[in-house]
Amino acid sequence: MPQISGGDVKHIVVGCEAGMGSSVMLANMLAKQFKSLGIKVTHCPVNQLADYEADLIVCHRGLSQRARSVANGRVVVPFDMFLGDPILAMLAEDLENKRNISDD
């Protein structure tokens, strides 16, 4: 199971599926939240994740299997809701406290 220390995360990619723009909204929100930690947040289609040098991938649970198939051993954090998801709150705490983050 892939794992990374929250202190080693410098770039997060929000994996998306071309659609409504929810992932862009989430990426912008996370970018503001993690700016003080020096973490860059971008977004890209799930099928292009292999082209990005992100330390951590965040995506909707419905896309997580596809994301893992192209993640090249990187941690994939699946969430269920674009706003107010407890998984994203836990991720923020783990990053701020430099705790280990792993798949599921």
Protein backbone atom coordinates (compact mmCIF):
# COMPACT_ATOMS: atom_id res chain seq x y z
CA MET A 1 0.00 0.00 0.00
CA PRO A 2 1.50 3.36 -1.03
CA GLN A 3 2.30 5.76 1.80
CA ILE A 4 3.81 9.25 2.16
CA SER A 5 4.55 11.54 5.08
CA GLY A 6 2.45 14.69 5.12
CA GLY A 7 5.69 16.65 5.46
CA ASP A 8 6.93 15.29 2.13
CA VAL A 9 3.89 16.38 0.11
CA LYS A 10 4.70 19.37 -2.10
CA HIS A 11 2.25 18.81 -4.98
CA ILE A 12 -1.30 17.43 -4.93
CA VAL A 13 -3.29 16.70 -8.08
CA VAL A 14 -7.07 16.50 -7.99
CA GLY A 15 -8.05 13.87 -10.54
CA CYS A 16 -11.17 14.66 -12.48
CA GLU A 17 -13.37 13.40 -15.23
CA ALA A 18 -14.23 16.04 -17.82
CA GLY A 19 -17.54 17.38 -16.63
CA MET A 20 -19.06 19.96 -14.35
CA GLY A 21 -15.92 21.64 -12.99
CA SER A 22 -16.33 20.38 -9.42
CA SER A 23 -12.73 19.21 -9.30
CA VAL A 24 -11.50 22.64 -10.41
CA MET A 25 -13.48 24.19 -7.56
CA LEU A 26 -12.01 21.65 -5.10
CA ALA A 27 -8.46 22.17 -6.41
CA ASN A 28 -8.80 25.93 -5.95
CA MET A 29 -10.18 25.49 -2.44
CA LEU A 30 -7.37 23.09 -1.46
CA ALA A 31 -4.75 25.37 -3.03
CA LYS A 32 -5.85 28.22 -0.77
CA GLN A 33 -6.03 25.93 2.26
CA PHE A 34 -2.56 24.42 1.74
CA LYS A 35 -0.73 27.50 0.46
CA SER A 36 0.71 28.23 3.90
CA LEU A 37 2.13 24.68 3.96
CA GLY A 38 3.95 25.27 0.67
CA ILE A 39 1.82 22.69 -1.15
CA LYS A 40 0.87 23.28 -4.78
CA VAL A 41 -2.55 21.93 -5.86
CA THR A 42 -3.53 21.39 -9.49
CA HIS A 43 -6.10 19.27 -11.31
CA CYS A 44 -6.10 17.05 -14.38
CA PRO A 45 -8.18 14.31 -16.00
CA VAL A 46 -7.67 10.93 -14.32
CA ASN A 47 -6.41 9.39 -17.56
CA GLN A 48 -3.53 11.93 -17.60
CA LEU A 49 -2.33 11.44 -13.99
CA ALA A 50 0.73 9.49 -15.13
CA ASP A 51 1.96 12.69 -16.85
CA TYR A 52 1.93 14.69 -13.58
CA GLU A 53 4.68 14.56 -10.97
CA ALA A 54 2.37 14.90 -7.98
CA ASP A 55 3.22 13.49 -4.58
CA LEU A 56 -0.43 12.76 -3.77
CA ILE A 57 -3.59 12.27 -5.81
CA VAL A 58 -7.07 13.20 -4.59
CA CYS A 59 -10.14 12.10 -6.53
CA HIS A 60 -13.80 11.21 -6.19
CA ARG A 61 -14.30 7.63 -5.01
CA GLY A 62 -15.97 6.79 -8.32
CA LEU A 63 -12.68 7.52 -10.10
CA SER A 64 -10.31 5.99 -7.54
CA GLN A 65 -9.76 2.64 -9.29
CA ARG A 66 -8.89 4.38 -12.55
CA ALA A 67 -6.63 6.79 -10.66
CA ARG A 68 -4.80 3.96 -8.91
CA SER A 69 -4.24 2.17 -12.20
CA VAL A 70 -2.17 5.12 -13.48
CA ALA A 71 -0.81 6.47 -10.18
CA ASN A 72 2.56 4.69 -10.47
CA GLY A 73 2.64 3.82 -6.77
CA ARG A 74 1.55 7.22 -5.49
CA VAL A 75 -1.03 7.58 -2.74
CA VAL A 76 -4.59 8.07 -3.98
CA VAL A 77 -7.02 9.61 -1.47
CA PRO A 78 -10.64 9.00 -2.51
CA PHE A 79 -13.44 11.22 -1.21
CA ASP A 80 -17.22 11.12 -1.52
CA MET A 81 -18.34 14.78 -1.36
CA PHE A 82 -16.68 17.76 -2.99
CA LEU A 83 -17.57 20.02 -0.05
CA GLY A 84 -17.45 19.12 3.63
CA ASP A 85 -16.10 15.61 3.19
CA PRO A 86 -14.52 14.27 6.42
CA ILE A 87 -11.82 12.51 4.36
CA LEU A 88 -10.62 15.88 3.07
CA ALA A 89 -10.66 17.31 6.61
CA MET A 90 -8.58 14.35 7.80
CA LEU A 91 -6.18 14.85 4.89
CA ALA A 92 -5.71 18.50 5.91
CA GLU A 93 -4.95 17.46 9.49
CA ASP A 94 -2.47 14.83 8.31
CA LEU A 95 -0.68 17.35 6.09
CA GLU A 96 -0.58 20.02 8.79
CA ASN A 97 0.73 17.56 11.38
CA LYS A 98 3.09 15.78 8.96
CA ARG A 99 1.45 12.40 9.61
CA ASN A 100 1.68 9.44 7.28
CA ILE A 101 -0.97 9.29 4.54
CA SER A 102 -1.85 6.06 2.76
CA ASP A 103 -4.43 4.70 0.33
CA ASP A 104 -7.81 4.30 2.05
